[in-house]
Every structure is written in C-alpha cells, then in structure tokens.
Amino acid sequence: MYPTQPLFRALGILILISYGSLCSADQPLHALILTSPGVYHNYEQQTRDLGHGIARRANVRFDVSLAELERWKTTDFSTGYDVLIYNICMADNEDSALIANLRRQTEQLGVPTLVIHCTMHSFRETDQWWPMFGLQTKAHEEERPLLLVQNEQHPILKGVPADWTVARDELYINLQFSAQPLLSSIGEDGKSHTTAWLSYQGNTPVFGTTLGHSDDTMKDPAFQRLIANALLFVNGHLPPEGAPTAGLEPVGDGRDIV
C-alpha cells in the first residue's frame, strides 16, 4: 500500500489492520482501491463507504492507492491482489503510457476489475480507455433520482431490489456499448442508458457501473450489495444463489473501518 495523502494513509492502514485482525480463520480476498483527490466527489468518504459496504457482505481486505500516477504508469501494481477497484476521476488526462499500463493489469496480467462512476469519464478524450470495460461516455445528466431497470437475472443482482431507485445520481449518456447489460435507466432523451454491466477481457471479468456520484448512492444498501456481489462474482466466488462461497462470508460488520 502506497497512499500519498495522510488521511488516505490512515484510512488504508485502518482497513488493513481491521481485516488482518478479523480474518484469521479464512483467507480474505485482497483488493486494491485506486482513487483520486476529492474535487468533484468526496473520495475519502466514498472509500470508507465502499469498505464498509463490502465488508458487511464479504471477507475482503483492502489497500488504497491515491493518485499514484507514476506507480500506476510504470509498475505492475496489481501484483498480489485478487481484484482492482477503480474509483477515479481523470477526465482531462490523455497519458497513453498510463492508460496502457492500467489496461495491462487486467488484459495481460488477468486481474479481475471493478470500475465505478467517473472512472468511465477518465481519459474521455481518447479512445484508449473505454474498450477495457466496454462503455464509452463523455457526458451526464444533472443529478436526479434514477429508477433502475434490471436487464436480466444475474447473480450480481441478487439482493438488489427490482424496483430500486437511487435517491440522486448522474445518468451517464452511453455513446458506444459492447458488454452484457445488467442495469439501465431511461434518460431525459427517452433512451435507455446502461448503468451496470459485465464485460470480459479474454477470460478476465470486468464489472462496471456509472452509478456512484453522490454520497447517498455510496451509502445505499442496494448499491453496496451490487458492488460486493460484483467483487465476489469477478473472482469466481458468487454462485447463482448469490451468497459468497465458503470462507468468504463476512467476518465482521465493517464497523472497524473508520
């Protein structure tokens, strides 16, 4: 773990210690959360909420990497992790070498990946990033309540209400899409826009959701269930009934993450 800001350093260490102390009976999954400074989003709080939400539902141990662009660009930073979770916002960045190495972790090294919200608007003026996860988008609607439509039955959607409405979030306008849709919402343009999906790079699964702008969404139990399910699924630990495989049941309620 190499977080570069004091608050995130404290956060990462507390997450690490919490799960190191809780997970003695069974080996947890190891996740690396890659995130950004909080300009348009409260990423410090979002990282805590992600940790809490996943920990209540699965046996996972986290490290946090805050905007370590040189590390992300020049190293195989995914080594030792079972899953990468991108919750970044780098809309104006066009660094081809950085994009290539981020993609390498999933496409060549085969590390399962989750991409959340503004991750899809990162590097948006290039065509180099979105093919990794299958959705191109450059704009969004204003924050508003979003009614989510389930596009199919899938283990990732187990426990997510069929009539789920997020209190306030941004609907990302789909430009190109080449993946398996799981959730969608109707835009102000009258069109359906995918909001959660599953894609593959070879045999490596990638889950994406454009939801996650507001703190309300991050704290929503349905959203936390969606993310926890997705994390388990991409690692092959979520059978059709939607419960974690043996040994990956939650070992705490997440309260040790502060």
C-alpha atoms as a PDB file:
ATOM      1  CA  MET A   1       0.000   0.000   0.000  1.00  0.00           C
ATOM      2  CA  TYR A   2       1.441   3.370  -1.032  1.00  0.00           C
ATOM      3  CA  PRO A   3      -1.189   6.065  -0.419  1.00  0.00           C
ATOM      4  CA  THR A   4       0.257   9.558  -0.714  1.00  0.00           C
ATOM      5  CA  GLN A   5      -2.034  11.678   1.478  1.00  0.00           C
ATOM      6  CA  PRO A   6      -2.204  11.483   5.292  1.00  0.00           C
ATOM      7  CA  LEU A   7      -5.961  10.938   5.507  1.00  0.00           C
ATOM      8  CA  PHE A   8      -5.845   8.172   2.942  1.00  0.00           C
ATOM      9  CA  ARG A   9      -2.746   6.727   4.581  1.00  0.00           C
ATOM     10  CA  ALA A  10      -4.661   6.466   7.848  1.00  0.00           C
ATOM     11  CA  LEU A  11      -7.667   5.057   6.057  1.00  0.00           C
ATOM     12  CA  GLY A  12      -5.643   2.405   4.238  1.00  0.00           C
ATOM     13  CA  ILE A  13      -3.816   1.291   7.355  1.00  0.00           C
ATOM     14  CA  LEU A  14      -7.018   1.039   9.380  1.00  0.00           C
ATOM     15  CA  ILE A  15      -8.662  -1.053   6.693  1.00  0.00           C
ATOM     16  CA  LEU A  16      -5.595  -3.273   6.510  1.00  0.00           C
ATOM     17  CA  ILE A  17      -5.326  -3.738  10.265  1.00  0.00           C
ATOM     18  CA  SER A  18      -9.040  -4.327  10.669  1.00  0.00           C
ATOM     19  CA  TYR A  19      -9.119  -7.164   8.208  1.00  0.00           C
ATOM     20  CA  GLY A  20      -5.777  -8.554   9.317  1.00  0.00           C
ATOM     21  CA  SER A  21      -7.246  -8.948  12.798  1.00  0.00           C
ATOM     22  CA  LEU A  22     -10.639 -10.220  11.689  1.00  0.00           C
ATOM     23  CA  CYS A  23      -9.656 -12.718   9.009  1.00  0.00           C
ATOM     24  CA  SER A  24      -7.600 -15.311  10.839  1.00  0.00           C
ATOM     25  CA  ALA A  25      -9.880 -18.274  10.125  1.00  0.00           C
ATOM     26  CA  ASP A  26     -10.142 -17.950   6.328  1.00  0.00           C
ATOM     27  CA  GLN A  27      -8.007 -16.150   3.782  1.00  0.00           C
ATOM     28  CA  PRO A  28      -9.728 -12.965   2.606  1.00  0.00           C
ATOM     29  CA  LEU A  29      -9.698 -11.628  -0.918  1.00  0.00           C
ATOM     30  CA  HIS A  30      -7.181  -8.818  -1.366  1.00  0.00           C
ATOM     31  CA  ALA A  31      -8.491  -5.708  -3.131  1.00  0.00           C
ATOM     32  CA  LEU A  32      -6.678  -2.557  -4.219  1.00  0.00           C
ATOM     33  CA  ILE A  33      -8.831   0.571  -4.409  1.00  0.00           C
ATOM     34  CA  LEU A  34      -7.395   3.141  -6.826  1.00  0.00           C
ATOM     35  CA  THR A  35      -8.847   6.588  -6.236  1.00  0.00           C
ATOM     36  CA  SER A  36      -8.387  10.315  -6.809  1.00  0.00           C
ATOM     37  CA  PRO A  37      -8.256  13.515  -4.766  1.00  0.00           C
ATOM     38  CA  GLY A  38     -11.761  14.731  -3.955  1.00  0.00           C
ATOM     39  CA  VAL A  39     -12.525  17.515  -6.436  1.00  0.00           C
ATOM     40  CA  TYR A  40     -15.940  16.585  -7.847  1.00  0.00           C
ATOM     41  CA  HIS A  41     -16.502  13.665  -5.476  1.00  0.00           C
ATOM     42  CA  ASN A  42     -15.881  13.022  -1.795  1.00  0.00           C
ATOM     43  CA  TYR A  43     -13.448  10.175  -2.431  1.00  0.00           C
ATOM     44  CA  GLU A  44     -12.222   9.969   1.141  1.00  0.00           C
ATOM     45  CA  GLN A  45     -15.749   9.242   2.374  1.00  0.00           C
ATOM     46  CA  GLN A  46     -16.544   7.104  -0.651  1.00  0.00           C
ATOM     47  CA  THR A  47     -13.550   4.876   0.052  1.00  0.00           C
ATOM     48  CA  ARG A  48     -14.758   4.368   3.611  1.00  0.00           C
ATOM     49  CA  ASP A  49     -18.295   3.641   2.407  1.00  0.00           C
ATOM     50  CA  LEU A  50     -17.044   1.128  -0.159  1.00  0.00           C
ATOM     51  CA  GLY A  51     -15.007  -0.604   2.515  1.00  0.00           C
ATOM     52  CA  HIS A  52     -17.908  -0.698   4.958  1.00  0.00           C
ATOM     53  CA  GLY A  53     -20.373  -1.884   2.344  1.00  0.00           C
ATOM     54  CA  ILE A  54     -18.223  -4.696   1.005  1.00  0.00           C
ATOM     55  CA  ALA A  55     -17.038  -5.806   4.450  1.00  0.00           C
ATOM     56  CA  ARG A  56     -20.604  -6.328   5.631  1.00  0.00           C
ATOM     57  CA  ARG A  57     -21.116  -8.787   2.788  1.00  0.00           C
ATOM     58  CA  ALA A  58     -17.786 -10.471   2.031  1.00  0.00           C
ATOM     59  CA  ASN A  59     -14.415 -11.373   3.534  1.00  0.00           C
ATOM     60  CA  VAL A  60     -12.184  -8.800   1.821  1.00  0.00           C
ATOM     61  CA  ARG A  61      -9.016  -6.962   2.814  1.00  0.00           C
ATOM     62  CA  PHE A  62      -8.199  -3.592   1.230  1.00  0.00           C
ATOM     63  CA  ASP A  63      -5.298  -1.354   0.357  1.00  0.00           C
ATOM     64  CA  VAL A  64      -5.820   2.165  -1.009  1.00  0.00           C
ATOM     65  CA  SER A  65      -3.745   3.897  -3.693  1.00  0.00           C
ATOM     66  CA  LEU A  66      -4.394   7.639  -4.010  1.00  0.00           C
ATOM     67  CA  ALA A  67      -3.416   9.208  -7.348  1.00  0.00           C
ATOM     68  CA  GLU A  68      -0.042   7.425  -7.520  1.00  0.00           C
ATOM     69  CA  LEU A  69       0.287   8.118 -11.212  1.00  0.00           C
ATOM     70  CA  GLU A  70       3.942   7.116 -11.516  1.00  0.00           C
ATOM     71  CA  ARG A  71       3.294   3.809  -9.767  1.00  0.00           C
ATOM     72  CA  TRP A  72       0.220   3.193 -11.932  1.00  0.00           C
ATOM     73  CA  LYS A  73       2.197   4.077 -15.059  1.00  0.00           C
ATOM     74  CA  THR A  74       5.462   2.200 -14.520  1.00  0.00           C
ATOM     75  CA  THR A  75       4.838  -0.818 -12.260  1.00  0.00           C
ATOM     76  CA  ASP A  76       2.725  -3.949 -12.156  1.00  0.00           C
ATOM     77  CA  PHE A  77       0.897  -2.521  -9.168  1.00  0.00           C
ATOM     78  CA  SER A  78      -1.754  -5.253  -9.304  1.00  0.00           C
ATOM     79  CA  THR A  79       0.699  -7.938  -8.209  1.00  0.00           C
ATOM     80  CA  GLY A  80      -0.610  -9.749  -5.127  1.00  0.00           C
ATOM     81  CA  TYR A  81      -4.195  -8.526  -5.475  1.00  0.00           C
ATOM     82  CA  ASP A  82      -7.297 -10.536  -6.342  1.00  0.00           C
ATOM     83  CA  VAL A  83      -9.222  -7.547  -7.668  1.00  0.00           C
ATOM     84  CA  LEU A  84      -8.714  -3.913  -8.649  1.00  0.00           C
ATOM     85  CA  ILE A  85     -11.389  -1.316  -7.840  1.00  0.00           C
ATOM     86  CA  TYR A  86     -11.120   1.922  -9.832  1.00  0.00           C
ATOM     87  CA  ASN A  87     -12.970   4.911  -8.382  1.00  0.00           C
ATOM     88  CA  ILE A  88     -11.077   7.689 -10.143  1.00  0.00           C
ATOM     89  CA  CYS A  89     -11.851  10.913 -11.997  1.00  0.00           C
ATOM     90  CA  MET A  90      -9.196  11.891 -14.553  1.00  0.00           C
ATOM     91  CA  ALA A  91     -11.306  13.329 -17.367  1.00  0.00           C
ATOM     92  CA  ASP A  92      -8.624  15.529 -18.946  1.00  0.00           C
ATOM     93  CA  ASN A  93      -5.736  13.077 -18.706  1.00  0.00           C
ATOM     94  CA  GLU A  94      -4.552  11.725 -22.064  1.00  0.00           C
ATOM     95  CA  ASP A  95      -1.382   9.902 -20.974  1.00  0.00           C
ATOM     96  CA  SER A  96      -1.169   6.925 -23.329  1.00  0.00           C
ATOM     97  CA  ALA A  97       1.548   5.171 -21.326  1.00  0.00           C
ATOM     98  CA  LEU A  98      -0.516   5.437 -18.146  1.00  0.00           C
ATOM     99  CA  ILE A  99      -3.632   4.104 -19.863  1.00  0.00           C
ATOM    100  CA  ALA A 100      -1.673   1.243 -21.408  1.00  0.00           C
ATOM    101  CA  ASN A 101      -0.274   0.116 -18.066  1.00  0.00           C
ATOM    102  CA  LEU A 102      -3.643   0.367 -16.325  1.00  0.00           C
ATOM    103  CA  ARG A 103      -5.110  -1.834 -19.048  1.00  0.00           C
ATOM    104  CA  ARG A 104      -2.154  -4.216 -18.850  1.00  0.00           C
ATOM    105  CA  GLN A 105      -3.075  -5.161 -15.270  1.00  0.00           C
ATOM    106  CA  THR A 106      -6.436  -6.509 -16.447  1.00  0.00           C
ATOM    107  CA  GLU A 107      -5.890  -7.511 -20.047  1.00  0.00           C
ATOM    108  CA  GLN A 108      -2.450  -9.109 -19.787  1.00  0.00           C
ATOM    109  CA  LEU A 109      -1.956  -9.916 -16.107  1.00  0.00           C
ATOM    110  CA  GLY A 110      -5.555 -11.079 -15.763  1.00  0.00           C
ATOM    111  CA  VAL A 111      -6.555  -9.291 -12.553  1.00  0.00           C
ATOM    112  CA  PRO A 112     -10.381  -9.004 -12.266  1.00  0.00           C
ATOM    113  CA  THR A 113     -11.515  -5.409 -12.175  1.00  0.00           C
ATOM    114  CA  LEU A 114     -14.360  -3.165 -10.998  1.00  0.00           C
ATOM    115  CA  VAL A 115     -14.789   0.325 -12.484  1.00  0.00           C
ATOM    116  CA  ILE A 116     -17.043   2.863 -10.765  1.00  0.00           C
ATOM    117  CA  HIS A 117     -18.696   6.105 -11.923  1.00  0.00           C
ATOM    118  CA  CYS A 118     -16.198   8.774 -13.066  1.00  0.00           C
ATOM    119  CA  THR A 119     -13.720   6.053 -13.997  1.00  0.00           C
ATOM    120  CA  MET A 120     -15.766   5.903 -17.210  1.00  0.00           C
ATOM    121  CA  HIS A 121     -15.210   9.627 -17.848  1.00  0.00           C
ATOM    122  CA  SER A 122     -11.499   9.348 -17.203  1.00  0.00           C
ATOM    123  CA  PHE A 123      -9.300   9.714 -20.299  1.00  0.00           C
ATOM    124  CA  ARG A 124     -12.530  10.502 -22.158  1.00  0.00           C
ATOM    125  CA  GLU A 125     -10.922  12.488 -24.974  1.00  0.00           C
ATOM    126  CA  THR A 126      -9.052   9.379 -26.077  1.00  0.00           C
ATOM    127  CA  ASP A 127     -10.317   6.086 -27.483  1.00  0.00           C
ATOM    128  CA  GLN A 128      -7.782   4.136 -25.436  1.00  0.00           C
ATOM    129  CA  TRP A 129      -9.514   3.587 -22.099  1.00  0.00           C
ATOM    130  CA  TRP A 130     -13.154   2.626 -22.594  1.00  0.00           C
ATOM    131  CA  PRO A 131     -12.519  -0.578 -24.626  1.00  0.00           C
ATOM    132  CA  MET A 132     -11.192  -2.204 -21.438  1.00  0.00           C
ATOM    133  CA  PHE A 133     -14.648  -2.124 -19.845  1.00  0.00           C
ATOM    134  CA  GLY A 134     -16.964  -1.744 -22.826  1.00  0.00           C
ATOM    135  CA  LEU A 135     -18.811   1.567 -22.338  1.00  0.00           C
ATOM    136  CA  GLN A 136     -17.945   4.901 -23.938  1.00  0.00           C
ATOM    137  CA  THR A 137     -19.458   8.011 -22.378  1.00  0.00           C
ATOM    138  CA  LYS A 138     -18.432  11.666 -22.288  1.00  0.00           C
ATOM    139  CA  ALA A 139     -21.364  13.445 -20.639  1.00  0.00           C
ATOM    140  CA  HIS A 140     -24.012  13.021 -17.970  1.00  0.00           C
ATOM    141  CA  GLU A 141     -27.371  14.434 -16.959  1.00  0.00           C
ATOM    142  CA  GLU A 142     -27.863  16.553 -13.863  1.00  0.00           C
ATOM    143  CA  GLU A 143     -28.211  14.724 -10.561  1.00  0.00           C
ATOM    144  CA  ARG A 144     -31.691  13.340 -10.036  1.00  0.00           C
ATOM    145  CA  PRO A 145     -33.475  10.215  -8.780  1.00  0.00           C
ATOM    146  CA  LEU A 146     -32.832   7.270 -11.109  1.00  0.00           C
ATOM    147  CA  LEU A 147     -35.143   4.288 -11.469  1.00  0.00           C
ATOM    148  CA  LEU A 148     -33.008   1.257 -12.319  1.00  0.00           C
ATOM    149  CA  VAL A 149     -34.293  -1.458 -14.626  1.00  0.00           C
ATOM    150  CA  GLN A 150     -32.853  -4.955 -14.296  1.00  0.00           C
ATOM    151  CA  ASN A 151     -31.985  -6.160 -17.794  1.00  0.00           C
ATOM    152  CA  GLU A 152     -31.667  -9.834 -16.858  1.00  0.00           C
ATOM    153  CA  GLN A 153     -31.442 -12.216 -13.934  1.00  0.00           C
ATOM    154  CA  HIS A 154     -27.855 -12.491 -12.768  1.00  0.00           C
ATOM    155  CA  PRO A 155     -26.076 -13.436  -9.506  1.00  0.00           C
ATOM    156  CA  ILE A 156     -24.640  -9.895  -9.316  1.00  0.00           C
ATOM    157  CA  LEU A 157     -28.205  -8.584  -8.959  1.00  0.00           C
ATOM    158  CA  LYS A 158     -29.170 -10.946  -6.112  1.00  0.00           C
ATOM    159  CA  GLY A 159     -30.462  -8.854  -3.215  1.00  0.00           C
ATOM    160  CA  VAL A 160     -30.804  -5.737  -5.372  1.00  0.00           C
ATOM    161  CA  PRO A 161     -34.473  -4.641  -5.357  1.00  0.00           C
ATOM    162  CA  ALA A 162     -36.279  -4.989  -8.677  1.00  0.00           C
ATOM    163  CA  ASP A 163     -37.802  -1.530  -8.131  1.00  0.00           C
ATOM    164  CA  TRP A 164     -34.574   0.123  -6.962  1.00  0.00           C
ATOM    165  CA  THR A 165     -34.450   3.908  -7.302  1.00  0.00           C
ATOM    166  CA  VAL A 166     -31.279   5.725  -6.295  1.00  0.00           C
ATOM    167  CA  ALA A 167     -32.097   8.943  -4.438  1.00  0.00           C
ATOM    168  CA  ARG A 168     -29.835  11.132  -6.566  1.00  0.00           C
ATOM    169  CA  ASP A 169     -27.148  10.317  -9.077  1.00  0.00           C
ATOM    170  CA  GLU A 170     -25.912  11.242 -12.534  1.00  0.00           C
ATOM    171  CA  LEU A 171     -27.058   9.292 -15.574  1.00  0.00           C
ATOM    172  CA  TYR A 172     -24.110   8.795 -17.913  1.00  0.00           C
ATOM    173  CA  ILE A 173     -25.045   9.080 -21.576  1.00  0.00           C
ATOM    174  CA  ASN A 174     -23.978   5.960 -23.475  1.00  0.00           C
ATOM    175  CA  LEU A 175     -22.164   6.558 -26.770  1.00  0.00           C
ATOM    176  CA  GLN A 176     -20.855   3.077 -27.524  1.00  0.00           C
ATOM    177  CA  PHE A 177     -21.529  -0.110 -25.605  1.00  0.00           C
ATOM    178  CA  SER A 178     -20.179  -3.638 -26.097  1.00  0.00           C
ATOM    179  CA  ALA A 179     -20.838  -5.680 -22.964  1.00  0.00           C
ATOM    180  CA  GLN A 180     -23.555  -7.566 -21.043  1.00  0.00           C
ATOM    181  CA  PRO A 181     -26.053  -5.052 -19.592  1.00  0.00           C
ATOM    182  CA  LEU A 182     -27.285  -5.659 -16.048  1.00  0.00           C
ATOM    183  CA  LEU A 183     -28.979  -2.383 -15.097  1.00  0.00           C
ATOM    184  CA  SER A 184     -30.207   0.569 -17.116  1.00  0.00           C
ATOM    185  CA  SER A 185     -32.189   3.766 -16.703  1.00  0.00           C
ATOM    186  CA  ILE A 186     -34.223   5.937 -19.037  1.00  0.00           C
ATOM    187  CA  GLY A 187     -32.620   9.262 -19.835  1.00  0.00           C
ATOM    188  CA  GLU A 188     -34.153  12.652 -20.419  1.00  0.00           C
ATOM    189  CA  ASP A 189     -33.634  11.871 -24.115  1.00  0.00           C
ATOM    190  CA  GLY A 190     -36.110   8.985 -23.776  1.00  0.00           C
ATOM    191  CA  LYS A 191     -33.398   6.407 -24.443  1.00  0.00           C
ATOM    192  CA  SER A 192     -32.206   3.562 -22.231  1.00  0.00           C
ATOM    193  CA  HIS A 193     -28.675   4.019 -20.899  1.00  0.00           C
ATOM    194  CA  THR A 194     -26.765   1.161 -19.287  1.00  0.00           C
ATOM    195  CA  THR A 195     -25.762   1.846 -15.680  1.00  0.00           C
ATOM    196  CA  ALA A 196     -24.228  -1.517 -14.684  1.00  0.00           C
ATOM    197  CA  TRP A 197     -22.745  -4.233 -16.835  1.00  0.00           C
ATOM    198  CA  LEU A 198     -20.318  -7.123 -17.162  1.00  0.00           C
ATOM    199  CA  SER A 199     -17.535  -7.370 -19.726  1.00  0.00           C
ATOM    200  CA  TYR A 200     -14.616  -9.704 -20.359  1.00  0.00           C
ATOM    201  CA  GLN A 201     -11.047  -9.204 -21.486  1.00  0.00           C
ATOM    202  CA  GLY A 202     -10.302 -12.713 -22.648  1.00  0.00           C
ATOM    203  CA  ASN A 203     -11.265 -14.760 -19.602  1.00  0.00           C
ATOM    204  CA  THR A 204     -10.854 -11.844 -17.189  1.00  0.00           C
ATOM    205  CA  PRO A 205     -14.137 -10.318 -15.984  1.00  0.00           C
ATOM    206  CA  VAL A 206     -14.658  -6.579 -15.655  1.00  0.00           C
ATOM    207  CA  PHE A 207     -17.698  -5.147 -13.862  1.00  0.00           C
ATOM    208  CA  GLY A 208     -18.696  -1.548 -14.396  1.00  0.00           C
ATOM    209  CA  THR A 209     -21.267   0.870 -13.042  1.00  0.00           C
ATOM    210  CA  THR A 210     -21.775   4.529 -13.856  1.00  0.00           C
ATOM    211  CA  LEU A 211     -23.583   4.961 -10.529  1.00  0.00           C
ATOM    212  CA  GLY A 212     -21.730   6.349  -7.537  1.00  0.00           C
ATOM    213  CA  HIS A 213     -21.606  10.124  -7.843  1.00  0.00           C
ATOM    214  CA  SER A 214     -23.349  11.002  -4.610  1.00  0.00           C
ATOM    215  CA  ASP A 215     -22.645  10.003  -1.042  1.00  0.00           C
ATOM    216  CA  ASP A 216     -26.291   8.905  -0.900  1.00  0.00           C
ATOM    217  CA  THR A 217     -25.638   6.287  -3.566  1.00  0.00           C
ATOM    218  CA  MET A 218     -22.456   5.064  -1.887  1.00  0.00           C
ATOM    219  CA  LYS A 219     -24.347   4.574   1.386  1.00  0.00           C
ATOM    220  CA  ASP A 220     -27.332   2.904  -0.296  1.00  0.00           C
ATOM    221  CA  PRO A 221     -27.522  -0.768   0.827  1.00  0.00           C
ATOM    222  CA  ALA A 222     -28.617  -1.798  -2.664  1.00  0.00           C
ATOM    223  CA  PHE A 223     -25.549  -0.157  -4.208  1.00  0.00           C
ATOM    224  CA  GLN A 224     -23.274  -1.733  -1.621  1.00  0.00           C
ATOM    225  CA  ARG A 225     -24.853  -5.124  -2.336  1.00  0.00           C
ATOM    226  CA  LEU A 226     -24.295  -4.604  -6.058  1.00  0.00           C
ATOM    227  CA  ILE A 227     -20.598  -3.811  -5.586  1.00  0.00           C
ATOM    228  CA  ALA A 228     -19.984  -6.638  -3.108  1.00  0.00           C
ATOM    229  CA  ASN A 229     -21.740  -9.122  -5.382  1.00  0.00           C
ATOM    230  CA  ALA A 230     -19.724  -7.911  -8.359  1.00  0.00           C
ATOM    231  CA  LEU A 231     -16.448  -8.253  -6.463  1.00  0.00           C
ATOM    232  CA  LEU A 232     -17.288 -11.816  -5.477  1.00  0.00           C
ATOM    233  CA  PHE A 233     -18.514 -12.705  -8.966  1.00  0.00           C
ATOM    234  CA  VAL A 234     -15.436 -11.496 -10.850  1.00  0.00           C
ATOM    235  CA  ASN A 235     -13.339 -13.637  -8.516  1.00  0.00           C
ATOM    236  CA  GLY A 236     -15.496 -16.717  -9.064  1.00  0.00           C
ATOM    237  CA  HIS A 237     -16.945 -16.701  -5.543  1.00  0.00           C
ATOM    238  CA  LEU A 238     -20.606 -15.859  -6.164  1.00  0.00           C
ATOM    239  CA  PRO A 239     -22.701 -18.900  -7.125  1.00  0.00           C
ATOM    240  CA  PRO A 240     -26.169 -18.492  -8.697  1.00  0.00           C
ATOM    241  CA  GLU A 241     -27.966 -18.226  -5.356  1.00  0.00           C
ATOM    242  CA  GLY A 242     -25.994 -15.041  -4.637  1.00  0.00           C
ATOM    243  CA  ALA A 243     -24.224 -15.983  -1.372  1.00  0.00           C
ATOM    244  CA  PRO A 244     -20.416 -15.967  -1.021  1.00  0.00           C
ATOM    245  CA  THR A 245     -18.627 -19.290  -1.349  1.00  0.00           C
ATOM    246  CA  ALA A 246     -17.396 -20.938   1.853  1.00  0.00           C
ATOM    247  CA  GLY A 247     -14.670 -18.951   3.585  1.00  0.00           C
ATOM    248  CA  LEU A 248     -15.631 -15.650   2.012  1.00  0.00           C
ATOM    249  CA  GLU A 249     -18.680 -14.912   4.137  1.00  0.00           C
ATOM    250  CA  PRO A 250     -18.360 -11.606   6.020  1.00  0.00           C
ATOM    251  CA  VAL A 251     -16.379 -11.886   9.238  1.00  0.00           C
ATOM    252  CA  GLY A 252     -17.440  -8.527  10.657  1.00  0.00           C
ATOM    253  CA  ASP A 253     -19.956  -5.761  10.077  1.00  0.00           C
ATOM    254  CA  GLY A 254     -17.486  -3.208   8.760  1.00  0.00           C
ATOM    255  CA  ARG A 255     -17.522  -1.020  11.847  1.00  0.00           C
ATOM    256  CA  ASP A 256     -13.769  -1.370  12.297  1.00  0.00           C
ATOM    257  CA  ILE A 257     -13.246   0.785   9.185  1.00  0.00           C
ATOM    258  CA  VAL A 258     -13.129   4.378  10.447  1.00  0.00           C
END
